[in-house]
Amino acid sequence: MLTASRASCHQVRAPSPEAGCRAAASSSSRRGLLWRLRDKQLRLGLFEIDPGHELHQMTCMMQAGLWAATQVSMDHPPTGPPTEEDFSEVLTQVHEGFEVGTLAGPVFARLRRSLGLAEEDYQAALGPGGPYLQFLSTSKSKASFFLSHDQRFFLKTQRRHEVQVLLAHLPRYVQHLQRHPHSLLARLLGVHSLRVARGKKKYFIIMQSVFFPAGRISERYDIKGCEVSRWVEPAPEGSAIVLVLKDLNFQGKSINLGSQRSWLLRQMELDTAFLRELNVLDYSLLMAFQRLHEDERGLGSSLIFRTVRSVRGVQSPEQSGAQNRRLLPDAPNALHILDGPEQRYFLGLVDLVTVYGLRKRLEHLWKTLRYPGRTFSTVSPACYARRLCQWVEAHTE
């Protein structure tokens, strides 16, 4: 069993998503040709996982499983603060030919609610209403990456031990988001398993996509604050391929945040200090650029002070300052968006499951010999956090 011996485990027959599929299909047909053409334009550089794709069967199972799992939280919404049993709960829903597990479901349902995310919208985006999307990944990991058809949610396969780390850290992760509701940490929305017939379980996580809405994004980067293996060959000029570039591709560039810079530097300190306490390294700062239109620049009046509902009753300036809250743009995905004088920036910390254990310590020693005088990702959590903060400070103005 993946979770602790006190885990609360349930196995039930899954409800069918067919009614949801019919509703989604009916809604799609009403949108008309213009909407579908616009949707296709926004997906340039992405690939639909259609019936001919090698992962089509797996993603169809994921969609049916997530539809049924979300239905549970809609039918039985959690109440009150999370309990120890909520963090260890495992719900297994049996479908025809496969089963999907939902880990710590009540905890993630509360997290989604704290973000103002309606379960109906979550279910519609991740269920069978439209194919998942895939992009060309520059990651060295063997994980599979997907986007929901509306590009709002990001799905990633995980190894068993990575899920164990994530669940072990989940109570402190929730606490950190309560203390710092405008944190840059990626918002995890669900952890699940998929097993076909009697085969081996595969695990995957769901999080809010940092790069949403993606329509006008011009550049994307994955930053670790080092140089070894941190270059990606850019796509040819005029190509529709979506690539996430790396540190060395960013040389000679900077992020112009204006008055938002001090907030970002402080939040990087808070979030990386938290990850250092968890003994975690090798996480990334995702960044993307989107040029603001002339009528979008300097719109201080468009900023609103949003309160994440998981933090209630915090009203004094002293408490607000301790939380490092900021004015959020009145835009989707506001927690990951900062507006500078001319550019909109999408920022988020992702991949939070690599622990600095014996294997990583040995890897550090080997890389020290292999790359003398060069910087690489496998360093102590304290060094990793300090170096990434220094990178942000050096590349912002």
Protein backbone atom coordinates (compact mmCIF):
# COMPACT_ATOMS: atom_id res chain seq x y z
CA MET A 1 0.00 0.00 0.00
CA LEU A 2 1.30 3.43 -0.84
CA THR A 3 0.07 5.32 2.20
CA ALA A 4 0.56 4.73 5.90
CA SER A 5 -1.02 1.78 7.67
CA ARG A 6 -3.70 4.06 9.13
CA ALA A 7 -4.90 4.99 5.65
CA SER A 8 -8.64 4.91 5.13
CA CYS A 9 -9.22 2.83 1.98
CA HIS A 10 -12.47 2.41 0.10
CA GLN A 11 -13.30 0.60 -3.13
CA VAL A 12 -16.51 1.44 -4.96
CA ARG A 13 -18.06 0.99 -8.38
CA ALA A 14 -17.48 4.17 -10.38
CA PRO A 15 -20.41 6.19 -11.77
CA SER A 16 -20.51 6.47 -15.55
CA PRO A 17 -19.40 9.73 -17.18
CA GLU A 18 -21.60 9.11 -20.22
CA ALA A 19 -24.17 11.72 -19.20
CA GLY A 20 -21.38 14.22 -18.71
CA CYS A 21 -19.95 13.34 -22.13
CA ARG A 22 -23.33 13.89 -23.78
CA ALA A 23 -23.70 17.28 -22.08
CA ALA A 24 -20.20 18.30 -23.15
CA ALA A 25 -20.81 17.17 -26.72
CA SER A 26 -24.09 19.09 -26.85
CA SER A 27 -22.39 22.21 -25.48
CA SER A 28 -19.55 21.87 -27.99
CA SER A 29 -21.94 21.61 -30.92
CA ARG A 30 -23.66 24.83 -29.88
CA ARG A 31 -20.43 26.79 -29.83
CA GLY A 32 -20.27 26.81 -33.61
CA LEU A 33 -17.56 27.03 -36.23
CA LEU A 34 -16.03 30.36 -35.15
CA TRP A 35 -15.43 29.13 -31.61
CA ARG A 36 -13.79 25.92 -32.87
CA LEU A 37 -11.52 27.86 -35.24
CA ARG A 38 -10.46 30.15 -32.39
CA ASP A 39 -9.84 27.14 -30.14
CA LYS A 40 -7.66 25.54 -32.84
CA GLN A 41 -5.65 28.76 -33.18
CA LEU A 42 -4.96 28.83 -29.44
CA ARG A 43 -3.67 25.26 -29.61
CA LEU A 44 -0.94 25.95 -32.18
CA GLY A 45 2.17 24.00 -31.20
CA LEU A 46 0.14 21.46 -29.20
CA PHE A 47 -1.00 18.02 -30.31
CA GLU A 48 -4.33 16.41 -29.58
CA ILE A 49 -4.11 12.91 -28.15
CA ASP A 50 -6.45 11.44 -30.73
CA PRO A 51 -7.39 7.77 -31.37
CA GLY A 52 -4.18 7.22 -33.34
CA HIS A 53 -1.94 8.35 -30.46
CA GLU A 54 -0.12 5.70 -28.41
CA LEU A 55 -1.39 7.25 -25.16
CA HIS A 56 -4.99 7.68 -26.28
CA GLN A 57 -6.34 4.65 -24.40
CA MET A 58 -4.57 5.66 -21.20
CA THR A 59 -5.82 9.25 -21.33
CA CYS A 60 -9.39 8.08 -21.99
CA MET A 61 -9.17 6.00 -18.81
CA MET A 62 -7.78 8.98 -16.93
CA GLN A 63 -10.64 11.15 -18.16
CA ALA A 64 -13.33 8.66 -17.16
CA GLY A 65 -11.63 8.11 -13.80
CA LEU A 66 -11.28 11.81 -13.03
CA TRP A 67 -14.90 12.47 -13.99
CA ALA A 68 -16.05 9.82 -11.49
CA ALA A 69 -13.59 10.93 -8.79
CA THR A 70 -14.74 14.54 -9.00
CA GLN A 71 -18.35 13.41 -8.84
CA VAL A 72 -17.62 11.99 -5.37
CA SER A 73 -16.44 15.37 -4.06
CA MET A 74 -19.46 17.03 -5.69
CA ASP A 75 -21.87 14.58 -4.07
CA HIS A 76 -20.07 14.61 -0.71
CA PRO A 77 -18.20 17.92 -0.33
CA PRO A 78 -15.81 17.91 2.65
CA THR A 79 -16.69 20.11 5.60
CA GLY A 80 -14.56 21.62 8.34
CA PRO A 81 -10.76 21.60 8.47
CA PRO A 82 -8.89 18.57 7.06
CA THR A 83 -8.35 15.66 9.43
CA GLU A 84 -5.52 13.15 9.67
CA GLU A 85 -7.82 10.61 8.00
CA ASP A 86 -8.39 12.99 5.06
CA PHE A 87 -4.66 13.14 4.35
CA SER A 88 -4.37 9.33 4.31
CA GLU A 89 -7.63 8.50 2.53
CA VAL A 90 -7.47 6.33 -0.59
CA LEU A 91 -10.63 5.90 -2.66
CA THR A 92 -10.48 3.27 -5.42
CA GLN A 93 -13.19 3.39 -8.08
CA VAL A 94 -13.60 0.32 -10.28
CA HIS A 95 -14.36 0.86 -13.96
CA GLU A 96 -14.72 -1.70 -16.73
CA GLY A 97 -11.19 -2.99 -17.33
CA PHE A 98 -9.39 -0.54 -15.05
CA GLU A 99 -9.51 1.22 -11.70
CA VAL A 100 -8.59 4.74 -10.62
CA GLY A 101 -7.44 5.65 -7.12
CA THR A 102 -7.89 9.07 -5.54
CA LEU A 103 -5.37 9.86 -2.81
CA ALA A 104 -6.15 12.40 -0.08
CA GLY A 105 -9.24 13.38 -2.05
CA PRO A 106 -10.94 15.53 0.66
CA VAL A 107 -7.73 17.56 1.10
CA PHE A 108 -7.47 18.40 -2.58
CA ALA A 109 -11.19 19.14 -2.81
CA ARG A 110 -10.68 21.79 -0.11
CA LEU A 111 -7.65 23.17 -1.95
CA ARG A 112 -9.65 23.51 -5.16
CA ARG A 113 -12.45 25.24 -3.27
CA SER A 114 -9.99 27.64 -1.63
CA LEU A 115 -8.92 28.72 -5.13
CA GLY A 116 -12.50 29.47 -6.11
CA LEU A 117 -12.46 26.55 -8.56
CA ALA A 118 -15.92 25.05 -9.09
CA GLU A 119 -15.94 21.25 -9.10
CA GLU A 120 -18.25 21.29 -12.13
CA ASP A 121 -15.65 23.26 -14.12
CA TYR A 122 -12.85 21.00 -12.93
CA GLN A 123 -14.82 17.91 -13.93
CA ALA A 124 -15.72 19.34 -17.34
CA ALA A 125 -12.10 20.27 -18.14
CA LEU A 126 -10.56 16.94 -17.11
CA GLY A 127 -13.39 14.59 -18.04
CA PRO A 128 -14.19 13.10 -21.47
CA GLY A 129 -15.50 16.34 -22.99
CA GLY A 130 -12.41 16.90 -25.15
CA PRO A 131 -9.02 15.25 -25.85
CA TYR A 132 -6.02 15.98 -23.70
CA LEU A 133 -3.20 17.91 -25.35
CA GLN A 134 0.52 17.17 -25.51
CA PHE A 135 3.55 19.30 -26.27
CA LEU A 136 7.21 18.64 -27.06
CA SER A 137 8.85 18.35 -23.65
CA THR A 138 12.45 19.42 -23.04
CA SER A 139 12.49 17.61 -19.69
CA LYS A 140 15.02 14.83 -19.15
CA SER A 141 12.58 12.84 -17.01
CA LYS A 142 10.65 9.87 -18.39
CA ALA A 143 7.33 11.32 -17.23
CA SER A 144 4.42 11.93 -19.57
CA PHE A 145 2.93 15.43 -19.65
CA PHE A 146 -0.58 16.46 -20.67
CA LEU A 147 -2.78 19.53 -20.69
CA SER A 148 -6.55 19.54 -20.35
CA HIS A 149 -8.30 20.49 -23.59
CA ASP A 150 -8.77 24.07 -22.32
CA GLN A 151 -5.05 24.20 -21.25
CA ARG A 152 -6.06 25.22 -17.72
CA PHE A 153 -4.78 22.09 -15.97
CA PHE A 154 -1.47 20.25 -16.24
CA LEU A 155 -1.19 16.48 -15.71
CA LYS A 156 2.08 14.64 -15.15
CA THR A 157 2.85 10.98 -14.48
CA GLN A 158 4.91 10.37 -11.33
CA ARG A 159 6.89 7.51 -9.92
CA ARG A 160 5.64 5.79 -6.79
CA HIS A 161 8.33 7.19 -4.49
CA GLU A 162 7.65 10.73 -5.79
CA VAL A 163 4.01 10.38 -4.81
CA GLN A 164 5.08 9.10 -1.40
CA VAL A 165 7.18 12.25 -0.91
CA LEU A 166 4.36 14.50 -2.08
CA LEU A 167 1.83 12.93 0.30
CA ALA A 168 4.29 13.03 3.21
CA HIS A 169 4.76 16.76 2.63
CA LEU A 170 1.10 17.50 1.91
CA PRO A 171 0.09 18.70 5.44
CA ARG A 172 2.97 21.21 5.49
CA TYR A 173 2.25 22.25 1.90
CA VAL A 174 -1.36 23.05 2.83
CA GLN A 175 -0.16 24.96 5.89
CA HIS A 176 2.30 26.98 3.81
CA LEU A 177 -0.41 28.01 1.36
CA GLN A 178 -2.62 29.06 4.26
CA ARG A 179 0.17 31.21 5.68
CA HIS A 180 1.16 32.61 2.28
CA PRO A 181 -1.92 32.57 0.02
CA HIS A 182 -0.04 34.33 -2.81
CA SER A 183 2.79 31.79 -2.83
CA LEU A 184 4.53 30.96 -6.11
CA LEU A 185 4.29 27.22 -5.43
CA ALA A 186 2.32 25.35 -8.08
CA ARG A 187 -1.22 24.61 -6.90
CA LEU A 188 -1.62 20.85 -6.67
CA LEU A 189 -5.21 19.84 -7.33
CA GLY A 190 -5.17 16.04 -7.20
CA VAL A 191 -3.09 12.87 -6.90
CA HIS A 192 -4.34 9.67 -8.54
CA SER A 193 -3.38 6.16 -9.55
CA LEU A 194 -4.42 4.18 -12.62
CA ARG A 195 -4.27 0.41 -12.92
CA VAL A 196 -5.34 -1.49 -16.03
CA ALA A 197 -6.69 -4.99 -15.36
CA ARG A 198 -4.25 -6.47 -12.84
CA GLY A 199 -1.24 -4.55 -14.08
CA LYS A 200 1.10 -2.24 -12.24
CA LYS A 201 -0.26 1.04 -10.88
CA LYS A 202 0.71 4.26 -12.61
CA TYR A 203 0.50 7.50 -10.66
CA PHE A 204 -0.22 11.01 -11.89
CA ILE A 205 -0.76 14.45 -10.41
CA ILE A 206 -2.89 17.38 -11.52
CA MET A 207 -1.98 21.00 -10.98
CA GLN A 208 -3.08 24.39 -12.17
CA SER A 209 -1.08 25.26 -15.28
CA VAL A 210 1.34 28.13 -14.67
CA PHE A 211 1.10 29.07 -18.37
CA PHE A 212 -2.62 29.87 -18.48
CA PRO A 213 -4.18 31.52 -20.40
CA ALA A 214 -1.61 30.73 -23.09
CA GLY A 215 -3.04 32.62 -26.08
CA ARG A 216 -0.47 35.44 -26.30
CA ILE A 217 2.53 33.90 -24.54
CA SER A 218 5.68 34.47 -26.60
CA GLU A 219 8.46 32.77 -24.59
CA ARG A 220 8.58 30.05 -21.95
CA TYR A 221 11.45 29.14 -19.62
CA ASP A 222 12.32 26.50 -17.02
CA ILE A 223 14.91 28.01 -14.65
CA LYS A 224 17.06 26.15 -12.10
CA GLY A 225 19.80 28.73 -11.57
CA CYS A 226 22.65 26.63 -13.01
CA GLU A 227 24.40 25.96 -16.33
CA VAL A 228 25.07 22.23 -16.88
CA SER A 229 22.48 20.78 -19.33
CA ARG A 230 20.54 24.05 -19.27
CA TRP A 231 20.39 24.87 -22.98
CA VAL A 232 17.62 23.98 -25.44
CA GLU A 233 17.96 24.38 -29.19
CA PRO A 234 15.25 26.96 -30.04
CA ALA A 235 12.53 26.14 -32.53
CA PRO A 236 13.11 27.43 -36.09
CA GLU A 237 11.92 30.96 -36.83
CA GLY A 238 8.19 30.97 -37.56
CA SER A 239 7.68 27.45 -36.21
CA ALA A 240 4.47 26.70 -34.29
CA ILE A 241 6.29 24.27 -31.98
CA VAL A 242 5.96 25.20 -28.30
CA LEU A 243 9.30 24.75 -26.50
CA VAL A 244 10.19 25.50 -22.90
CA LEU A 245 13.69 27.00 -22.93
CA LYS A 246 16.25 26.91 -20.09
CA ASP A 247 18.74 29.03 -18.16
CA LEU A 248 21.37 29.48 -20.84
CA ASN A 249 18.72 30.53 -23.36
CA PHE A 250 17.88 33.42 -21.01
CA GLN A 251 21.36 34.96 -21.04
CA GLY A 252 21.32 38.69 -21.74
CA LYS A 253 17.63 39.02 -20.84
CA SER A 254 15.88 40.41 -17.78
CA ILE A 255 12.46 40.63 -16.18
CA ASN A 256 11.22 44.21 -15.80
CA LEU A 257 8.73 44.15 -12.93
CA GLY A 258 8.94 47.73 -11.71
CA SER A 259 7.32 48.04 -8.28
CA GLN A 260 6.46 44.30 -8.21
CA ARG A 261 10.13 43.28 -7.97
CA SER A 262 10.42 43.59 -4.19
CA TRP A 263 7.35 41.39 -3.72
CA LEU A 264 8.80 38.69 -5.99
CA LEU A 265 12.18 38.65 -4.24
CA ARG A 266 10.51 38.29 -0.84
CA GLN A 267 8.16 35.54 -2.02
CA MET A 268 11.05 33.62 -3.55
CA GLU A 269 12.78 33.76 -0.15
CA LEU A 270 9.66 32.48 1.64
CA ASP A 271 8.92 29.67 -0.79
CA THR A 272 12.48 28.42 -1.22
CA ALA A 273 12.98 28.52 2.58
CA PHE A 274 9.94 26.25 2.87
CA LEU A 275 11.35 23.85 0.26
CA ARG A 276 14.73 23.91 2.00
CA GLU A 277 13.00 22.84 5.25
CA LEU A 278 11.48 19.92 3.35
CA ASN A 279 15.02 18.92 2.21
CA VAL A 280 13.90 19.33 -1.43
CA LEU A 281 15.97 20.39 -4.47
CA ASP A 282 15.86 20.31 -8.27
CA TYR A 283 12.62 22.28 -8.50
CA SER A 284 12.15 24.82 -11.29
CA LEU A 285 10.94 28.37 -11.62
CA LEU A 286 8.67 28.37 -14.67
CA MET A 287 8.48 31.71 -16.48
CA ALA A 288 6.63 32.97 -19.52
CA PHE A 289 6.35 36.37 -21.22
CA GLN A 290 3.32 38.04 -22.74
CA ARG A 291 3.50 41.56 -24.11
CA LEU A 292 0.79 43.82 -22.75
CA HIS A 293 -1.39 45.68 -25.21
CA GLU A 294 -1.24 49.46 -25.09
CA ASP A 295 -4.59 49.69 -23.31
CA GLU A 296 -3.47 47.14 -20.67
CA ARG A 297 -0.39 48.99 -19.46
CA GLY A 298 -0.38 50.84 -16.17
CA LEU A 299 -3.94 49.90 -15.29
CA GLY A 300 -3.60 50.16 -11.54
CA SER A 301 -7.37 50.39 -11.32
CA SER A 302 -7.68 46.90 -12.80
CA LEU A 303 -5.90 45.40 -9.79
CA ILE A 304 -7.98 43.99 -7.00
CA PHE A 305 -7.06 42.60 -3.60
CA ARG A 306 -8.22 39.03 -3.63
CA THR A 307 -8.50 36.90 -0.54
CA VAL A 308 -7.91 33.18 -0.91
CA ARG A 309 -10.76 31.61 0.96
CA SER A 310 -8.54 29.17 2.82
CA VAL A 311 -7.27 32.17 4.82
CA ARG A 312 -10.18 33.80 6.60
CA GLY A 313 -10.32 36.57 9.13
CA VAL A 314 -6.88 37.97 8.24
CA GLN A 315 -7.45 41.68 7.86
CA SER A 316 -4.81 43.70 9.70
CA PRO A 317 -1.92 45.25 7.69
CA GLU A 318 0.60 43.55 9.98
CA GLN A 319 -0.79 40.10 9.24
CA SER A 320 -1.13 40.91 5.57
CA GLY A 321 2.51 41.97 5.42
CA ALA A 322 3.65 38.78 7.14
CA GLN A 323 1.79 36.81 4.49
CA ASN A 324 3.47 38.88 1.75
CA ARG A 325 0.18 39.41 -0.04
CA ARG A 326 -0.01 41.61 -3.12
CA LEU A 327 -2.44 43.19 -5.52
CA LEU A 328 -3.50 40.52 -8.00
CA PRO A 329 -4.48 41.26 -11.59
CA ASP A 330 -8.14 40.77 -12.40
CA ALA A 331 -7.32 37.88 -14.72
CA PRO A 332 -7.58 34.07 -14.81
CA ASN A 333 -4.73 32.34 -12.96
CA ALA A 334 -3.92 35.57 -11.11
CA LEU A 335 -1.77 33.82 -8.49
CA HIS A 336 0.84 33.04 -11.17
CA ILE A 337 0.71 36.41 -12.97
CA LEU A 338 2.76 39.57 -12.35
CA ASP A 339 2.40 42.61 -14.56
CA GLY A 340 5.39 44.79 -15.31
CA PRO A 341 5.30 48.11 -17.15
CA GLU A 342 5.27 46.45 -20.60
CA GLN A 343 5.13 42.68 -20.10
CA ARG A 344 2.91 40.23 -18.28
CA TYR A 345 4.91 37.48 -16.58
CA PHE A 346 3.71 34.00 -15.65
CA LEU A 347 5.72 32.59 -12.72
CA GLY A 348 5.50 29.42 -10.64
CA LEU A 349 7.64 26.92 -8.74
CA VAL A 350 7.14 23.32 -9.88
CA ASP A 351 8.58 19.79 -9.41
CA LEU A 352 8.68 19.76 -5.63
CA VAL A 353 9.35 16.06 -4.93
CA THR A 354 13.15 15.49 -5.22
CA VAL A 355 14.62 14.87 -1.77
CA TYR A 356 18.33 15.30 -1.01
CA GLY A 357 18.94 11.72 0.13
CA LEU A 358 21.90 9.39 -0.27
CA ARG A 359 21.45 8.99 -4.02
CA LYS A 360 21.46 12.75 -4.63
CA ARG A 361 24.44 13.25 -2.30
CA LEU A 362 26.44 10.70 -4.30
CA GLU A 363 25.30 12.37 -7.53
CA HIS A 364 26.55 15.69 -6.14
CA LEU A 365 30.00 14.22 -5.50
CA TRP A 366 30.14 12.70 -9.00
CA LYS A 367 29.10 15.94 -10.69
CA THR A 368 31.63 17.91 -8.65
CA LEU A 369 34.35 15.75 -10.24
CA ARG A 370 32.70 15.67 -13.66
CA TYR A 371 32.04 19.43 -13.97
CA PRO A 372 34.77 21.28 -12.04
CA GLY A 373 34.10 25.00 -11.80
CA ARG A 374 30.61 24.71 -13.33
CA THR A 375 27.19 24.95 -11.69
CA PHE A 376 24.75 22.02 -11.80
CA SER A 377 21.38 21.21 -10.27
CA THR A 378 22.36 18.55 -7.73
CA VAL A 379 23.47 20.58 -4.72
CA SER A 380 22.25 20.78 -1.13
CA PRO A 381 18.75 22.23 -0.60
CA ALA A 382 20.25 25.27 1.17
CA CYS A 383 22.61 25.98 -1.73
CA TYR A 384 19.88 25.31 -4.29
CA ALA A 385 17.44 27.73 -2.64
CA ARG A 386 20.05 30.47 -2.21
CA ARG A 387 21.30 30.15 -5.78
CA LEU A 388 17.82 30.31 -7.34
CA CYS A 389 16.97 33.41 -5.29
CA GLN A 390 20.23 35.00 -6.42
CA TRP A 391 19.37 34.19 -10.04
CA VAL A 392 16.01 35.95 -9.71
CA GLU A 393 17.60 38.96 -8.04
CA ALA A 394 20.24 39.22 -10.79
CA HIS A 395 17.73 38.91 -13.64
CA THR A 396 14.98 41.27 -12.42
CA GLU A 397 14.71 45.02 -12.41
